[in-house]
Amino acid sequence: MISEKRMARRVTLTGTTLVIPGSGGRALTAVVTNVSSTGAGLRIPEAIPPNEAVTVTMAFLDTVGLVTQEKLSGVVAWIAPSPRGFLVGITWDRPVDPTSHPALAAYVAPRTPNPSSTACTPKRRASRVRR
C-alpha cells in the first residue's frame, strides 16, 4: 500500500505552462498534472535533470474567469519517463501564498472561513402573546 507523503493539498489546473531550465536550456511547454502550494507535477517533452533550477510560468483562468499568469521558481525534485515525454516533480523555492501569488493561492491555499462567521446563530422563537 502506498502512503501519501505530500503535506499540501493538490489541485488540477488547466492552462498553458512554460518551464525554463536555470542552466539556460530552451523553454519547454508543459502540461500541469497537479499543483500545490509547495510544488507541481508537470509533463514535459524533454528531460530536465533532478536538482536543476527552473522558472515556471503558468497561464490560467483566475477564480473570476480572467486570464492571469503566475511566475514561480523552483527545482526539479524528480523525473520519470512517460509515454508522452517525461513526468517531473517541481518543488517551489517558496510556498505559494496569497501575497506572493494571489491567483494561484486561491486554488491551492484557499482561505479557511472564520469559525465565528460561519457559526450558526440560534434563532429565537417569537414570544407568544396570550389573550
N, C-alpha and C. Protein backbone atom coordinates (compact mmCIF):
# COMPACT_ATOMS: atom_id res chain seq x y z
N MET A 1 0.84 -1.18 0.00
CA MET A 1 0.00 0.00 0.00
C MET A 1 0.88 1.24 0.00
N ILE A 2 0.55 2.21 -0.84
CA ILE A 2 1.31 3.45 -0.94
C ILE A 2 0.72 4.47 0.02
N SER A 3 1.58 5.08 0.81
CA SER A 3 1.09 6.10 1.73
C SER A 3 1.34 7.48 1.14
N GLU A 4 0.42 8.38 1.37
CA GLU A 4 0.53 9.75 0.87
C GLU A 4 1.55 10.50 1.70
N LYS A 5 2.56 11.06 1.05
CA LYS A 5 3.62 11.77 1.74
C LYS A 5 3.49 13.28 1.62
N ARG A 6 2.65 13.74 0.72
CA ARG A 6 2.52 15.17 0.50
C ARG A 6 1.75 15.82 1.64
N MET A 7 2.23 16.98 2.04
CA MET A 7 1.58 17.70 3.12
C MET A 7 0.59 18.74 2.59
N ALA A 8 0.76 19.17 1.35
CA ALA A 8 -0.08 20.22 0.80
C ALA A 8 -1.16 19.63 -0.11
N ARG A 9 -2.30 20.28 -0.14
CA ARG A 9 -3.42 19.88 -0.98
C ARG A 9 -3.05 20.11 -2.44
N ARG A 10 -3.32 19.12 -3.30
CA ARG A 10 -3.04 19.21 -4.73
C ARG A 10 -4.33 19.46 -5.49
N VAL A 11 -4.22 20.29 -6.54
CA VAL A 11 -5.36 20.55 -7.40
C VAL A 11 -4.93 20.41 -8.85
N THR A 12 -5.90 20.17 -9.73
CA THR A 12 -5.64 20.15 -11.16
C THR A 12 -5.91 21.54 -11.69
N LEU A 13 -5.01 22.04 -12.48
CA LEU A 13 -5.13 23.39 -13.02
C LEU A 13 -4.93 23.30 -14.53
N THR A 14 -5.90 23.75 -15.29
CA THR A 14 -5.82 23.68 -16.75
C THR A 14 -5.32 25.01 -17.28
N GLY A 15 -4.29 24.94 -18.09
CA GLY A 15 -3.75 26.16 -18.68
C GLY A 15 -2.42 25.87 -19.34
N THR A 16 -1.80 26.90 -19.86
CA THR A 16 -0.50 26.77 -20.52
C THR A 16 0.60 27.01 -19.50
N THR A 17 1.63 26.19 -19.56
CA THR A 17 2.74 26.32 -18.63
C THR A 17 4.05 26.30 -19.41
N LEU A 18 4.93 27.21 -19.06
CA LEU A 18 6.23 27.31 -19.68
C LEU A 18 7.29 27.04 -18.63
N VAL A 19 8.21 26.14 -18.92
CA VAL A 19 9.28 25.79 -17.99
C VAL A 19 10.61 26.20 -18.62
N ILE A 20 11.38 27.00 -17.88
CA ILE A 20 12.69 27.44 -18.37
C ILE A 20 13.75 26.90 -17.42
N PRO A 21 14.63 26.01 -17.90
CA PRO A 21 15.70 25.49 -17.05
C PRO A 21 16.68 26.61 -16.65
N GLY A 22 17.17 26.54 -15.43
CA GLY A 22 18.10 27.54 -14.95
C GLY A 22 19.45 27.47 -15.63
N SER A 23 19.76 26.33 -16.25
CA SER A 23 21.04 26.17 -16.93
C SER A 23 21.09 26.90 -18.27
N GLY A 24 19.96 27.52 -18.63
CA GLY A 24 19.94 28.25 -19.88
C GLY A 24 19.40 27.46 -21.05
N GLY A 25 18.86 26.29 -20.79
CA GLY A 25 18.26 25.49 -21.86
C GLY A 25 17.04 26.19 -22.44
N ARG A 26 16.54 25.64 -23.53
CA ARG A 26 15.39 26.27 -24.16
C ARG A 26 14.11 26.06 -23.34
N ALA A 27 13.20 26.98 -23.49
CA ALA A 27 11.92 26.91 -22.78
C ALA A 27 11.10 25.74 -23.31
N LEU A 28 10.41 25.05 -22.41
CA LEU A 28 9.58 23.91 -22.76
C LEU A 28 8.13 24.20 -22.39
N THR A 29 7.22 23.83 -23.26
CA THR A 29 5.80 23.92 -22.93
C THR A 29 5.43 22.66 -22.16
N ALA A 30 4.76 22.83 -21.04
CA ALA A 30 4.42 21.71 -20.17
C ALA A 30 2.92 21.63 -19.94
N VAL A 31 2.48 20.45 -19.53
CA VAL A 31 1.10 20.22 -19.11
C VAL A 31 1.14 19.98 -17.60
N VAL A 32 0.29 20.68 -16.88
CA VAL A 32 0.24 20.52 -15.43
C VAL A 32 -0.60 19.29 -15.10
N THR A 33 -0.04 18.37 -14.33
CA THR A 33 -0.84 17.23 -13.85
C THR A 33 -1.46 17.55 -12.50
N ASN A 34 -0.73 18.29 -11.66
CA ASN A 34 -1.27 18.78 -10.40
C ASN A 34 -0.37 19.89 -9.88
N VAL A 35 -0.93 20.71 -9.01
CA VAL A 35 -0.17 21.81 -8.43
C VAL A 35 -0.60 21.97 -6.97
N SER A 36 0.35 22.36 -6.13
CA SER A 36 0.05 22.60 -4.72
C SER A 36 0.81 23.83 -4.27
N SER A 37 0.65 24.18 -3.02
CA SER A 37 1.36 25.35 -2.50
C SER A 37 2.86 25.11 -2.38
N THR A 38 3.28 23.86 -2.43
CA THR A 38 4.71 23.54 -2.28
C THR A 38 5.37 23.04 -3.55
N GLY A 39 4.60 22.76 -4.60
CA GLY A 39 5.21 22.26 -5.82
C GLY A 39 4.18 21.91 -6.88
N ALA A 40 4.66 21.24 -7.93
CA ALA A 40 3.78 20.87 -9.04
C ALA A 40 4.29 19.62 -9.71
N GLY A 41 3.36 18.90 -10.33
CA GLY A 41 3.69 17.78 -11.21
C GLY A 41 3.41 18.23 -12.63
N LEU A 42 4.39 18.07 -13.51
CA LEU A 42 4.26 18.52 -14.89
C LEU A 42 4.62 17.40 -15.85
N ARG A 43 4.09 17.47 -17.07
CA ARG A 43 4.50 16.58 -18.15
C ARG A 43 5.22 17.47 -19.16
N ILE A 44 6.49 17.11 -19.46
CA ILE A 44 7.30 17.91 -20.37
C ILE A 44 7.82 17.03 -21.51
N PRO A 45 8.12 17.61 -22.67
CA PRO A 45 8.56 16.80 -23.81
C PRO A 45 10.02 16.35 -23.73
N GLU A 46 10.85 17.08 -22.99
CA GLU A 46 12.28 16.75 -22.88
C GLU A 46 12.68 16.68 -21.41
N ALA A 47 13.70 15.90 -21.14
CA ALA A 47 14.15 15.71 -19.76
C ALA A 47 14.87 16.95 -19.22
N ILE A 48 14.62 17.23 -17.97
CA ILE A 48 15.38 18.22 -17.20
C ILE A 48 15.92 17.45 -16.00
N PRO A 49 17.22 17.48 -15.76
CA PRO A 49 17.78 16.65 -14.69
C PRO A 49 17.32 17.07 -13.29
N PRO A 50 17.25 16.11 -12.37
CA PRO A 50 16.93 16.44 -10.98
C PRO A 50 17.92 17.46 -10.42
N ASN A 51 17.44 18.25 -9.50
CA ASN A 51 18.19 19.33 -8.83
C ASN A 51 18.45 20.52 -9.74
N GLU A 52 17.90 20.53 -10.94
CA GLU A 52 18.04 21.68 -11.85
C GLU A 52 17.06 22.77 -11.42
N ALA A 53 17.55 24.00 -11.30
CA ALA A 53 16.67 25.13 -11.01
C ALA A 53 15.83 25.42 -12.24
N VAL A 54 14.57 25.79 -12.03
CA VAL A 54 13.66 26.10 -13.13
C VAL A 54 12.81 27.32 -12.77
N THR A 55 12.34 27.98 -13.81
CA THR A 55 11.34 29.03 -13.67
C THR A 55 10.10 28.52 -14.39
N VAL A 56 8.97 28.57 -13.72
CA VAL A 56 7.72 28.06 -14.27
C VAL A 56 6.74 29.22 -14.37
N THR A 57 6.20 29.43 -15.56
CA THR A 57 5.19 30.46 -15.76
C THR A 57 3.89 29.76 -16.14
N MET A 58 2.87 29.93 -15.31
CA MET A 58 1.58 29.29 -15.55
C MET A 58 0.58 30.35 -15.99
N ALA A 59 -0.14 30.08 -17.06
CA ALA A 59 -1.23 30.93 -17.51
C ALA A 59 -2.53 30.15 -17.33
N PHE A 60 -3.48 30.73 -16.63
CA PHE A 60 -4.73 30.03 -16.32
C PHE A 60 -5.81 31.05 -16.02
N LEU A 61 -7.03 30.58 -15.89
CA LEU A 61 -8.14 31.45 -15.53
C LEU A 61 -8.19 31.59 -14.01
N ASP A 62 -8.29 32.82 -13.53
CA ASP A 62 -8.41 33.01 -12.09
C ASP A 62 -9.84 32.67 -11.66
N THR A 63 -10.13 32.87 -10.40
CA THR A 63 -11.43 32.45 -9.87
C THR A 63 -12.61 33.24 -10.42
N VAL A 64 -12.35 34.39 -11.05
CA VAL A 64 -13.44 35.15 -11.66
C VAL A 64 -13.46 35.00 -13.18
N GLY A 65 -12.57 34.15 -13.73
CA GLY A 65 -12.58 33.84 -15.15
C GLY A 65 -11.67 34.68 -16.02
N LEU A 66 -10.79 35.48 -15.42
CA LEU A 66 -9.86 36.28 -16.20
C LEU A 66 -8.54 35.53 -16.38
N VAL A 67 -7.94 35.65 -17.58
CA VAL A 67 -6.65 35.01 -17.83
C VAL A 67 -5.59 35.72 -16.99
N THR A 68 -4.83 34.95 -16.28
CA THR A 68 -3.77 35.50 -15.43
C THR A 68 -2.53 34.63 -15.55
N GLN A 69 -1.40 35.18 -15.15
CA GLN A 69 -0.14 34.43 -15.16
C GLN A 69 0.50 34.53 -13.79
N GLU A 70 1.13 33.44 -13.39
CA GLU A 70 1.92 33.41 -12.15
C GLU A 70 3.28 32.83 -12.52
N LYS A 71 4.33 33.47 -12.05
CA LYS A 71 5.70 33.03 -12.31
C LYS A 71 6.30 32.55 -11.00
N LEU A 72 6.78 31.30 -11.01
CA LEU A 72 7.34 30.70 -9.80
C LEU A 72 8.72 30.13 -10.10
N SER A 73 9.55 30.09 -9.09
CA SER A 73 10.85 29.46 -9.25
C SER A 73 10.91 28.24 -8.34
N GLY A 74 11.66 27.25 -8.79
CA GLY A 74 11.76 26.02 -8.03
C GLY A 74 12.90 25.17 -8.52
N VAL A 75 12.85 23.90 -8.13
CA VAL A 75 13.89 22.95 -8.50
C VAL A 75 13.22 21.63 -8.88
N VAL A 76 13.79 20.92 -9.84
CA VAL A 76 13.27 19.61 -10.24
C VAL A 76 13.61 18.63 -9.12
N ALA A 77 12.59 18.06 -8.51
CA ALA A 77 12.77 17.11 -7.42
C ALA A 77 12.96 15.69 -7.94
N TRP A 78 12.24 15.35 -9.01
CA TRP A 78 12.33 14.00 -9.59
C TRP A 78 11.88 14.06 -11.04
N ILE A 79 12.22 13.02 -11.79
CA ILE A 79 11.82 12.89 -13.18
C ILE A 79 11.59 11.42 -13.49
N ALA A 80 10.60 11.14 -14.33
CA ALA A 80 10.30 9.76 -14.73
C ALA A 80 9.86 9.75 -16.19
N PRO A 81 10.28 8.74 -16.96
CA PRO A 81 9.82 8.66 -18.35
C PRO A 81 8.32 8.43 -18.41
N SER A 82 7.71 8.93 -19.47
CA SER A 82 6.27 8.81 -19.66
C SER A 82 6.03 8.55 -21.15
N PRO A 83 4.91 7.95 -21.52
CA PRO A 83 4.64 7.73 -22.95
C PRO A 83 4.65 9.02 -23.77
N ARG A 84 4.38 10.13 -23.15
CA ARG A 84 4.35 11.41 -23.86
C ARG A 84 5.46 12.35 -23.41
N GLY A 85 6.62 11.83 -23.14
CA GLY A 85 7.74 12.67 -22.70
C GLY A 85 8.22 12.26 -21.32
N PHE A 86 8.17 13.20 -20.39
CA PHE A 86 8.64 12.95 -19.04
C PHE A 86 7.71 13.59 -18.02
N LEU A 87 7.55 12.91 -16.90
CA LEU A 87 6.84 13.49 -15.76
C LEU A 87 7.91 14.04 -14.83
N VAL A 88 7.69 15.26 -14.33
CA VAL A 88 8.64 15.86 -13.40
C VAL A 88 7.89 16.40 -12.19
N GLY A 89 8.56 16.34 -11.07
CA GLY A 89 8.05 16.95 -9.86
C GLY A 89 8.88 18.18 -9.56
N ILE A 90 8.24 19.30 -9.39
CA ILE A 90 8.91 20.57 -9.09
C ILE A 90 8.59 20.95 -7.65
N THR A 91 9.61 21.35 -6.91
CA THR A 91 9.41 21.89 -5.57
C THR A 91 9.66 23.38 -5.63
N TRP A 92 8.67 24.19 -5.21
CA TRP A 92 8.82 25.64 -5.25
C TRP A 92 9.88 26.10 -4.25
N ASP A 93 10.57 27.19 -4.59
CA ASP A 93 11.54 27.78 -3.67
C ASP A 93 10.85 28.34 -2.43
N ARG A 94 9.65 28.90 -2.64
CA ARG A 94 8.84 29.43 -1.54
C ARG A 94 7.43 28.92 -1.70
N PRO A 95 6.76 28.57 -0.60
CA PRO A 95 5.37 28.13 -0.73
C PRO A 95 4.49 29.24 -1.32
N VAL A 96 3.50 28.83 -2.09
CA VAL A 96 2.55 29.78 -2.68
C VAL A 96 1.69 30.34 -1.54
N ASP A 97 1.56 31.66 -1.53
CA ASP A 97 0.68 32.28 -0.54
C ASP A 97 -0.06 33.44 -1.21
N PRO A 98 -1.11 33.95 -0.58
CA PRO A 98 -1.91 35.00 -1.19
C PRO A 98 -1.14 36.29 -1.49
N THR A 99 -0.06 36.54 -0.78
CA THR A 99 0.72 37.75 -1.03
C THR A 99 1.61 37.61 -2.25
N SER A 100 2.31 36.49 -2.37
CA SER A 100 3.25 36.31 -3.46
C SER A 100 2.58 35.90 -4.77
N HIS A 101 1.56 35.08 -4.70
CA HIS A 101 0.88 34.55 -5.90
C HIS A 101 -0.63 34.45 -5.62
N PRO A 102 -1.32 35.58 -5.63
CA PRO A 102 -2.73 35.58 -5.21
C PRO A 102 -3.66 34.71 -6.06
N ALA A 103 -3.48 34.70 -7.38
CA ALA A 103 -4.39 33.93 -8.24
C ALA A 103 -4.21 32.43 -8.01
N LEU A 104 -2.97 31.98 -7.92
CA LEU A 104 -2.70 30.56 -7.70
C LEU A 104 -3.08 30.15 -6.28
N ALA A 105 -2.85 31.01 -5.32
CA ALA A 105 -3.19 30.71 -3.93
C ALA A 105 -4.69 30.49 -3.75
N ALA A 106 -5.49 31.17 -4.55
CA ALA A 106 -6.94 30.99 -4.46
C ALA A 106 -7.35 29.56 -4.74
N TYR A 107 -6.54 28.85 -5.55
CA TYR A 107 -6.82 27.45 -5.85
C TYR A 107 -6.16 26.49 -4.87
N VAL A 108 -4.89 26.72 -4.58
CA VAL A 108 -4.13 25.72 -3.81
C VAL A 108 -4.11 25.97 -2.31
N ALA A 109 -4.34 27.19 -1.90
CA ALA A 109 -4.33 27.52 -0.47
C ALA A 109 -5.52 28.40 -0.16
N PRO A 110 -6.74 27.89 -0.39
CA PRO A 110 -7.90 28.73 -0.15
C PRO A 110 -8.00 29.11 1.32
N ARG A 111 -8.47 30.31 1.54
CA ARG A 111 -8.63 30.77 2.92
C ARG A 111 -9.69 29.94 3.59
N THR A 112 -9.42 29.58 4.83
CA THR A 112 -10.42 28.85 5.60
C THR A 112 -11.34 29.87 6.24
N PRO A 113 -12.63 29.62 6.22
CA PRO A 113 -13.56 30.59 6.78
C PRO A 113 -13.35 30.74 8.28
N ASN A 114 -13.62 31.91 8.76
CA ASN A 114 -13.53 32.19 10.19
C ASN A 114 -14.65 31.43 10.88
N PRO A 115 -14.34 30.57 11.87
CA PRO A 115 -15.39 29.78 12.50
C PRO A 115 -16.50 30.62 13.11
N SER A 116 -16.17 31.80 13.60
CA SER A 116 -17.20 32.62 14.21
C SER A 116 -18.16 33.20 13.16
N SER A 117 -17.67 33.38 11.93
CA SER A 117 -18.54 33.93 10.89
C SER A 117 -19.46 32.87 10.29
N THR A 118 -19.08 31.61 10.39
CA THR A 118 -19.92 30.55 9.81
C THR A 118 -20.75 29.83 10.86
N ALA A 119 -20.51 30.18 12.09
CA ALA A 119 -21.27 29.51 13.15
C ALA A 119 -22.74 29.88 13.01
N CYS A 120 -23.56 28.91 13.20
CA CYS A 120 -24.99 29.12 13.09
C CYS A 120 -25.48 29.76 14.38
N THR A 121 -26.11 30.91 14.25
CA THR A 121 -26.64 31.55 15.45
C THR A 121 -28.03 30.99 15.70
N PRO A 122 -28.29 30.66 16.94
CA PRO A 122 -29.60 30.08 17.24
C PRO A 122 -30.70 31.11 16.97
N LYS A 123 -31.79 30.64 16.44
CA LYS A 123 -32.92 31.52 16.17
C LYS A 123 -33.82 31.54 17.39
N ARG A 124 -34.26 32.73 17.70
CA ARG A 124 -35.16 32.87 18.84
C ARG A 124 -36.58 32.77 18.32
N ARG A 125 -37.34 32.07 19.05
CA ARG A 125 -38.74 31.98 18.69
C ARG A 125 -39.45 33.24 19.13
N ALA A 126 -40.36 33.65 18.32
CA ALA A 126 -41.16 34.83 18.69
C ALA A 126 -41.97 34.48 19.93
N SER A 127 -42.04 35.41 20.82
CA SER A 127 -42.81 35.13 22.04
C SER A 127 -44.30 35.13 21.69
N ARG A 128 -44.98 34.29 22.34
CA ARG A 128 -46.42 34.18 22.11
C ARG A 128 -47.14 35.19 22.98
N VAL A 129 -48.11 35.76 22.38
CA VAL A 129 -48.94 36.70 23.14
C VAL A 129 -50.20 35.95 23.53
N ARG A 130 -50.46 35.89 24.81
CA ARG A 130 -51.68 35.20 25.27
C ARG A 130 -52.80 36.21 25.41
N ARG A 131 -53.91 35.81 24.97
CA ARG A 131 -55.05 36.72 25.07
C ARG A 131 -56.12 36.11 25.90
